PDB file of all heavy atoms in Angstrom:
ATOM      1  N   THR A   1      16.929   1.026  -9.359  1.00  0.00           N
ATOM      2  CA  THR A   1      16.175  -0.189  -9.071  1.00  0.00           C
ATOM      3  C   THR A   1      14.955   0.134  -8.218  1.00  0.00           C
ATOM      4  O   THR A   1      15.030   0.895  -7.257  1.00  0.00           O
ATOM      5  CB  THR A   1      17.050  -1.205  -8.326  1.00  0.00           C
ATOM      6  OG1 THR A   1      18.184  -1.506  -9.117  1.00  0.00           O
ATOM      7  CG2 THR A   1      16.279  -2.486  -8.053  1.00  0.00           C
ATOM      8  N   THR A   2      13.820  -0.430  -8.613  1.00  0.00           N
ATOM      9  CA  THR A   2      12.598  -0.303  -7.820  1.00  0.00           C
ATOM     10  C   THR A   2      12.029  -1.692  -7.565  1.00  0.00           C
ATOM     11  O   THR A   2      12.368  -2.654  -8.250  1.00  0.00           O
ATOM     12  CB  THR A   2      11.530   0.551  -8.530  1.00  0.00           C
ATOM     13  OG1 THR A   2      11.173  -0.094  -9.764  1.00  0.00           O
ATOM     14  CG2 THR A   2      12.046   1.944  -8.817  1.00  0.00           C
ATOM     15  N   ILE A   3      11.161  -1.783  -6.593  1.00  0.00           N
ATOM     16  CA  ILE A   3      10.474  -3.036  -6.284  1.00  0.00           C
ATOM     17  C   ILE A   3       8.982  -2.803  -6.477  1.00  0.00           C
ATOM     18  O   ILE A   3       8.464  -1.747  -6.112  1.00  0.00           O
ATOM     19  CB  ILE A   3      10.802  -3.508  -4.846  1.00  0.00           C
ATOM     20  CG1 ILE A   3      10.277  -4.915  -4.608  1.00  0.00           C
ATOM     21  CG2 ILE A   3      10.297  -2.539  -3.819  1.00  0.00           C
ATOM     22  CD1 ILE A   3      10.780  -5.510  -3.298  1.00  0.00           C
ATOM     23  N   SER A   4       8.308  -3.760  -7.087  1.00  0.00           N
ATOM     24  CA  SER A   4       6.880  -3.598  -7.368  1.00  0.00           C
ATOM     25  C   SER A   4       6.061  -4.460  -6.420  1.00  0.00           C
ATOM     26  O   SER A   4       6.429  -5.596  -6.105  1.00  0.00           O
ATOM     27  CB  SER A   4       6.573  -3.975  -8.818  1.00  0.00           C
ATOM     28  OG  SER A   4       6.986  -5.298  -9.098  1.00  0.00           O
ATOM     29  N   ILE A   5       4.926  -3.920  -5.978  1.00  0.00           N
ATOM     30  CA  ILE A   5       4.057  -4.617  -5.037  1.00  0.00           C
ATOM     31  C   ILE A   5       2.630  -4.641  -5.571  1.00  0.00           C
ATOM     32  O   ILE A   5       2.102  -3.624  -6.013  1.00  0.00           O
ATOM     33  CB  ILE A   5       4.104  -3.961  -3.638  1.00  0.00           C
ATOM     34  CG1 ILE A   5       3.186  -4.707  -2.653  1.00  0.00           C
ATOM     35  CG2 ILE A   5       3.741  -2.486  -3.695  1.00  0.00           C
ATOM     36  CD1 ILE A   5       3.361  -4.259  -1.210  1.00  0.00           C
ATOM     37  N   ALA A   6       2.023  -5.803  -5.560  1.00  0.00           N
ATOM     38  CA  ALA A   6       0.625  -5.962  -5.958  1.00  0.00           C
ATOM     39  C   ALA A   6      -0.249  -5.888  -4.711  1.00  0.00           C
ATOM     40  O   ALA A   6      -0.013  -6.597  -3.738  1.00  0.00           O
ATOM     41  CB  ALA A   6       0.417  -7.294  -6.676  1.00  0.00           C
ATOM     42  N   VAL A   7      -1.259  -5.022  -4.764  1.00  0.00           N
ATOM     43  CA  VAL A   7      -2.152  -4.790  -3.630  1.00  0.00           C
ATOM     44  C   VAL A   7      -3.589  -4.854  -4.146  1.00  0.00           C
ATOM     45  O   VAL A   7      -3.872  -4.447  -5.280  1.00  0.00           O
ATOM     46  CB  VAL A   7      -1.882  -3.415  -2.982  1.00  0.00           C
ATOM     47  CG1 VAL A   7      -2.828  -3.154  -1.823  1.00  0.00           C
ATOM     48  CG2 VAL A   7      -0.440  -3.321  -2.509  1.00  0.00           C
ATOM     49  N   GLN A   8      -4.482  -5.363  -3.319  1.00  0.00           N
ATOM     50  CA  GLN A   8      -5.899  -5.419  -3.682  1.00  0.00           C
ATOM     51  C   GLN A   8      -6.396  -4.021  -4.043  1.00  0.00           C
ATOM     52  O   GLN A   8      -6.109  -3.044  -3.342  1.00  0.00           O
ATOM     53  CB  GLN A   8      -6.708  -5.991  -2.523  1.00  0.00           C
ATOM     54  CG  GLN A   8      -8.172  -6.212  -2.839  1.00  0.00           C
ATOM     55  CD  GLN A   8      -8.941  -6.721  -1.639  1.00  0.00           C
ATOM     56  OE1 GLN A   8      -8.661  -6.346  -0.507  1.00  0.00           O
ATOM     57  NE2 GLN A   8      -9.913  -7.579  -1.879  1.00  0.00           N
ATOM     58  N   LYS A   9      -7.150  -3.922  -5.129  1.00  0.00           N
ATOM     59  CA  LYS A   9      -7.601  -2.628  -5.640  1.00  0.00           C
ATOM     60  C   LYS A   9      -8.526  -1.901  -4.678  1.00  0.00           C
ATOM     61  O   LYS A   9      -8.453  -0.685  -4.533  1.00  0.00           O
ATOM     62  CB  LYS A   9      -8.296  -2.836  -6.989  1.00  0.00           C
ATOM     63  CG  LYS A   9      -8.809  -1.563  -7.624  1.00  0.00           C
ATOM     64  CD  LYS A   9      -9.349  -1.811  -9.008  1.00  0.00           C
ATOM     65  CE  LYS A   9     -10.039  -0.582  -9.580  1.00  0.00           C
ATOM     66  NZ  LYS A   9      -9.160   0.599  -9.619  1.00  0.00           N
ATOM     67  N   SER A  10      -9.415  -2.622  -3.992  1.00  0.00           N
ATOM     68  CA  SER A  10     -10.344  -1.979  -3.061  1.00  0.00           C
ATOM     69  C   SER A  10     -10.757  -2.987  -1.996  1.00  0.00           C
ATOM     70  O   SER A  10     -10.519  -4.191  -2.146  1.00  0.00           O
ATOM     71  CB  SER A  10     -11.581  -1.454  -3.798  1.00  0.00           C
ATOM     72  OG  SER A  10     -12.265  -2.515  -4.438  1.00  0.00           O
ATOM     73  N   GLY A  11     -11.377  -2.494  -0.927  1.00  0.00           N
ATOM     74  CA  GLY A  11     -11.823  -3.389   0.136  1.00  0.00           C
ATOM     75  C   GLY A  11     -11.026  -3.241   1.408  1.00  0.00           C
ATOM     76  O   GLY A  11     -10.076  -2.458   1.502  1.00  0.00           O
ATOM     77  N   ARG A  12     -11.425  -4.005   2.428  1.00  0.00           N
ATOM     78  CA  ARG A  12     -10.807  -3.912   3.753  1.00  0.00           C
ATOM     79  C   ARG A  12      -9.327  -4.260   3.729  1.00  0.00           C
ATOM     80  O   ARG A  12      -8.505  -3.595   4.370  1.00  0.00           O
ATOM     81  CB  ARG A  12     -11.558  -4.846   4.726  1.00  0.00           C
ATOM     82  CG  ARG A  12     -11.108  -4.727   6.183  1.00  0.00           C
ATOM     83  CD  ARG A  12     -12.077  -5.462   7.086  1.00  0.00           C
ATOM     84  NE  ARG A  12     -12.097  -6.889   6.818  1.00  0.00           N
ATOM     85  CZ  ARG A  12     -11.459  -7.794   7.562  1.00  0.00           C
ATOM     86  NH1 ARG A  12     -10.752  -7.399   8.613  1.00  0.00           N
ATOM     87  NH2 ARG A  12     -11.538  -9.077   7.287  1.00  0.00           N
ATOM     88  N   LEU A  13      -8.971  -5.301   2.986  1.00  0.00           N
ATOM     89  CA  LEU A  13      -7.565  -5.696   2.900  1.00  0.00           C
ATOM     90  C   LEU A  13      -6.734  -4.598   2.257  1.00  0.00           C
ATOM     91  O   LEU A  13      -5.622  -4.297   2.699  1.00  0.00           O
ATOM     92  CB  LEU A  13      -7.434  -6.994   2.109  1.00  0.00           C
ATOM     93  CG  LEU A  13      -6.005  -7.529   1.899  1.00  0.00           C
ATOM     94  CD1 LEU A  13      -5.349  -7.833   3.235  1.00  0.00           C
ATOM     95  CD2 LEU A  13      -6.012  -8.762   1.010  1.00  0.00           C
ATOM     96  N   SER A  14      -7.286  -3.968   1.228  1.00  0.00           N
ATOM     97  CA  SER A  14      -6.584  -2.880   0.549  1.00  0.00           C
ATOM     98  C   SER A  14      -6.335  -1.709   1.498  1.00  0.00           C
ATOM     99  O   SER A  14      -5.221  -1.192   1.588  1.00  0.00           O
ATOM    100  CB  SER A  14      -7.402  -2.407  -0.655  1.00  0.00           C
ATOM    101  OG  SER A  14      -6.825  -1.255  -1.234  1.00  0.00           O
ATOM    102  N   GLU A  15      -7.365  -1.312   2.224  1.00  0.00           N
ATOM    103  CA  GLU A  15      -7.246  -0.167   3.128  1.00  0.00           C
ATOM    104  C   GLU A  15      -6.179  -0.401   4.182  1.00  0.00           C
ATOM    105  O   GLU A  15      -5.337   0.471   4.444  1.00  0.00           O
ATOM    106  CB  GLU A  15      -8.593   0.105   3.799  1.00  0.00           C
ATOM    107  CG  GLU A  15      -9.672   0.607   2.841  1.00  0.00           C
ATOM    108  CD  GLU A  15     -11.037   0.680   3.493  1.00  0.00           C
ATOM    109  OE1 GLU A  15     -11.123   0.372   4.709  1.00  0.00           O
ATOM    110  OE2 GLU A  15     -12.013   1.046   2.807  1.00  0.00           O
ATOM    111  N   LYS A  16      -6.181  -1.579   4.790  1.00  0.00           N
ATOM    112  CA  LYS A  16      -5.212  -1.869   5.848  1.00  0.00           C
ATOM    113  C   LYS A  16      -3.805  -2.013   5.278  1.00  0.00           C
ATOM    114  O   LYS A  16      -2.818  -1.630   5.923  1.00  0.00           O
ATOM    115  CB  LYS A  16      -5.632  -3.125   6.606  1.00  0.00           C
ATOM    116  CG  LYS A  16      -6.862  -2.938   7.485  1.00  0.00           C
ATOM    117  CD  LYS A  16      -7.181  -4.162   8.299  1.00  0.00           C
ATOM    118  CE  LYS A  16      -8.345  -3.898   9.260  1.00  0.00           C
ATOM    119  NZ  LYS A  16      -7.992  -2.922  10.299  1.00  0.00           N
ATOM    120  N   SER A  17      -3.694  -2.571   4.074  1.00  0.00           N
ATOM    121  CA  SER A  17      -2.383  -2.717   3.443  1.00  0.00           C
ATOM    122  C   SER A  17      -1.769  -1.349   3.158  1.00  0.00           C
ATOM    123  O   SER A  17      -0.588  -1.102   3.452  1.00  0.00           O
ATOM    124  CB  SER A  17      -2.508  -3.507   2.130  1.00  0.00           C
ATOM    125  OG  SER A  17      -3.015  -4.799   2.352  1.00  0.00           O
ATOM    126  N   LEU A  18      -2.576  -0.449   2.598  1.00  0.00           N
ATOM    127  CA  LEU A  18      -2.073   0.882   2.249  1.00  0.00           C
ATOM    128  C   LEU A  18      -1.798   1.709   3.498  1.00  0.00           C
ATOM    129  O   LEU A  18      -0.836   2.488   3.524  1.00  0.00           O
ATOM    130  CB  LEU A  18      -3.079   1.587   1.337  1.00  0.00           C
ATOM    131  CG  LEU A  18      -3.332   0.894  -0.013  1.00  0.00           C
ATOM    132  CD1 LEU A  18      -4.339   1.685  -0.837  1.00  0.00           C
ATOM    133  CD2 LEU A  18      -2.042   0.692  -0.783  1.00  0.00           C
ATOM    134  N   ASP A  19      -2.597   1.541   4.551  1.00  0.00           N
ATOM    135  CA  ASP A  19      -2.321   2.234   5.819  1.00  0.00           C
ATOM    136  C   ASP A  19      -0.972   1.801   6.375  1.00  0.00           C
ATOM    137  O   ASP A  19      -0.199   2.627   6.883  1.00  0.00           O
ATOM    138  CB  ASP A  19      -3.421   1.935   6.834  1.00  0.00           C
ATOM    139  CG  ASP A  19      -4.711   2.693   6.546  1.00  0.00           C
ATOM    140  OD1 ASP A  19      -4.671   3.639   5.738  1.00  0.00           O
ATOM    141  OD2 ASP A  19      -5.754   2.338   7.129  1.00  0.00           O
ATOM    142  N   LEU A  20      -0.691   0.502   6.297  1.00  0.00           N
ATOM    143  CA  LEU A  20       0.586  -0.011   6.795  1.00  0.00           C
ATOM    144  C   LEU A  20       1.748   0.605   6.029  1.00  0.00           C
ATOM    145  O   LEU A  20       2.743   1.044   6.626  1.00  0.00           O
ATOM    146  CB  LEU A  20       0.621  -1.536   6.667  1.00  0.00           C
ATOM    147  CG  LEU A  20       1.952  -2.214   7.018  1.00  0.00           C
ATOM    148  CD1 LEU A  20       2.310  -1.987   8.480  1.00  0.00           C
ATOM    149  CD2 LEU A  20       1.891  -3.704   6.703  1.00  0.00           C
ATOM    150  N   ILE A  21       1.634   0.656   4.715  1.00  0.00           N
ATOM    151  CA  ILE A  21       2.728   1.189   3.897  1.00  0.00           C
ATOM    152  C   ILE A  21       2.907   2.683   4.141  1.00  0.00           C
ATOM    153  O   ILE A  21       4.034   3.182   4.225  1.00  0.00           O
ATOM    154  CB  ILE A  21       2.472   0.876   2.414  1.00  0.00           C
ATOM    155  CG1 ILE A  21       2.548  -0.645   2.202  1.00  0.00           C
ATOM    156  CG2 ILE A  21       3.497   1.573   1.519  1.00  0.00           C
ATOM    157  CD1 ILE A  21       2.136  -1.118   0.842  1.00  0.00           C
ATOM    158  N   ARG A  22       1.813   3.412   4.284  1.00  0.00           N
ATOM    159  CA  ARG A  22       1.929   4.839   4.607  1.00  0.00           C
ATOM    160  C   ARG A  22       2.630   5.040   5.943  1.00  0.00           C
ATOM    161  O   ARG A  22       3.397   5.993   6.118  1.00  0.00           O
ATOM    162  CB  ARG A  22       0.541   5.483   4.654  1.00  0.00           C
ATOM    163  CG  ARG A  22      -0.078   5.751   3.290  1.00  0.00           C
ATOM    164  CD  ARG A  22      -1.268   6.676   3.418  1.00  0.00           C
ATOM    165  NE  ARG A  22      -1.956   6.858   2.141  1.00  0.00           N
ATOM    166  CZ  ARG A  22      -2.998   6.143   1.744  1.00  0.00           C
ATOM    167  NH1 ARG A  22      -3.490   5.187   2.543  1.00  0.00           N
ATOM    168  NH2 ARG A  22      -3.551   6.367   0.577  1.00  0.00           N
ATOM    169  N   SER A  23       2.354   4.153   6.899  1.00  0.00           N
ATOM    170  CA  SER A  23       2.988   4.253   8.215  1.00  0.00           C
ATOM    171  C   SER A  23       4.492   4.041   8.137  1.00  0.00           C
ATOM    172  O   SER A  23       5.214   4.383   9.082  1.00  0.00           O
ATOM    173  CB  SER A  23       2.380   3.224   9.179  1.00  0.00           C
ATOM    174  OG  SER A  23       1.007   3.478   9.386  1.00  0.00           O
ATOM    175  N   CYS A  24       4.946   3.486   7.028  1.00  0.00           N
ATOM    176  CA  CYS A  24       6.384   3.261   6.819  1.00  0.00           C
ATOM    177  C   CYS A  24       7.062   4.465   6.173  1.00  0.00           C
ATOM    178  O   CYS A  24       8.204   4.364   5.693  1.00  0.00           O
ATOM    179  CB  CYS A  24       6.603   2.028   5.941  1.00  0.00           C
ATOM    180  SG  CYS A  24       6.095   0.470   6.699  1.00  0.00           S
ATOM    181  N   GLY A  25       6.362   5.591   6.110  1.00  0.00           N
ATOM    182  CA  GLY A  25       6.938   6.807   5.543  1.00  0.00           C
ATOM    183  C   GLY A  25       6.948   6.805   4.031  1.00  0.00           C
ATOM    184  O   GLY A  25       7.767   7.504   3.411  1.00  0.00           O
ATOM    185  N   ILE A  26       6.047   6.044   3.428  1.00  0.00           N
ATOM    186  CA  ILE A  26       5.979   5.925   1.963  1.00  0.00           C
ATOM    187  C   ILE A  26       4.665   6.526   1.489  1.00  0.00           C
ATOM    188  O   ILE A  26       3.593   6.089   1.912  1.00  0.00           O
ATOM    189  CB  ILE A  26       6.093   4.448   1.535  1.00  0.00           C
ATOM    190  CG1 ILE A  26       7.417   3.859   2.044  1.00  0.00           C
ATOM    191  CG2 ILE A  26       5.990   4.315   0.031  1.00  0.00           C
ATOM    192  CD1 ILE A  26       7.528   2.359   1.858  1.00  0.00           C
ATOM    193  N   ASP A  27       4.732   7.505   0.601  1.00  0.00           N
ATOM    194  CA  ASP A  27       3.525   8.166   0.111  1.00  0.00           C
ATOM    195  C   ASP A  27       3.274   7.774  -1.340  1.00  0.00           C
ATOM    196  O   ASP A  27       4.191   7.395  -2.071  1.00  0.00           O
ATOM    197  CB  ASP A  27       3.676   9.684   0.217  1.00  0.00           C
ATOM    198  CG  ASP A  27       2.321  10.385   0.170  1.00  0.00           C
ATOM    199  OD1 ASP A  27       1.286   9.692   0.276  1.00  0.00           O
ATOM    200  OD2 ASP A  27       2.306  11.621   0.022  1.00  0.00           O
ATOM    201  N   PHE A  28       2.011   7.863  -1.771  1.00  0.00           N
ATOM    202  CA  PHE A  28       1.646   7.438  -3.118  1.00  0.00           C
ATOM    203  C   PHE A  28       0.228   7.909  -3.410  1.00  0.00           C
ATOM    204  O   PHE A  28      -0.520   8.299  -2.513  1.00  0.00           O
ATOM    205  CB  PHE A  28       1.710   5.907  -3.238  1.00  0.00           C
ATOM    206  CG  PHE A  28       0.980   5.193  -2.135  1.00  0.00           C
ATOM    207  CD1 PHE A  28      -0.369   4.882  -2.251  1.00  0.00           C
ATOM    208  CD2 PHE A  28       1.627   4.879  -0.942  1.00  0.00           C
ATOM    209  CE1 PHE A  28      -1.045   4.254  -1.224  1.00  0.00           C
ATOM    210  CE2 PHE A  28       0.957   4.252   0.096  1.00  0.00           C
ATOM    211  CZ  PHE A  28      -0.387   3.943  -0.049  1.00  0.00           C
ATOM    212  N   ASN A  29      -0.156   7.825  -4.681  1.00  0.00           N
ATOM    213  CA  ASN A  29      -1.504   8.167  -5.108  1.00  0.00           C
ATOM    214  C   ASN A  29      -2.331   6.898  -5.115  1.00  0.00           C
ATOM    215  O   ASN A  29      -2.043   5.967  -5.865  1.00  0.00           O
ATOM    216  CB  ASN A  29      -1.467   8.794  -6.509  1.00  0.00           C
ATOM    217  CG  ASN A  29      -2.860   9.112  -7.027  1.00  0.00           C
ATOM    218  OD1 ASN A  29      -3.828   9.111  -6.260  1.00  0.00           O
ATOM    219  ND2 ASN A  29      -2.970   9.374  -8.319  1.00  0.00           N
TER     220      ASN A  29
END
């Protein structure tokens, strides 16, 4: 089972969202 998350493709909201998720020990391309 996986969970899918929709994130803004680019922009300030995208950058902060992905920084938060990386801080949770989750890596991705």
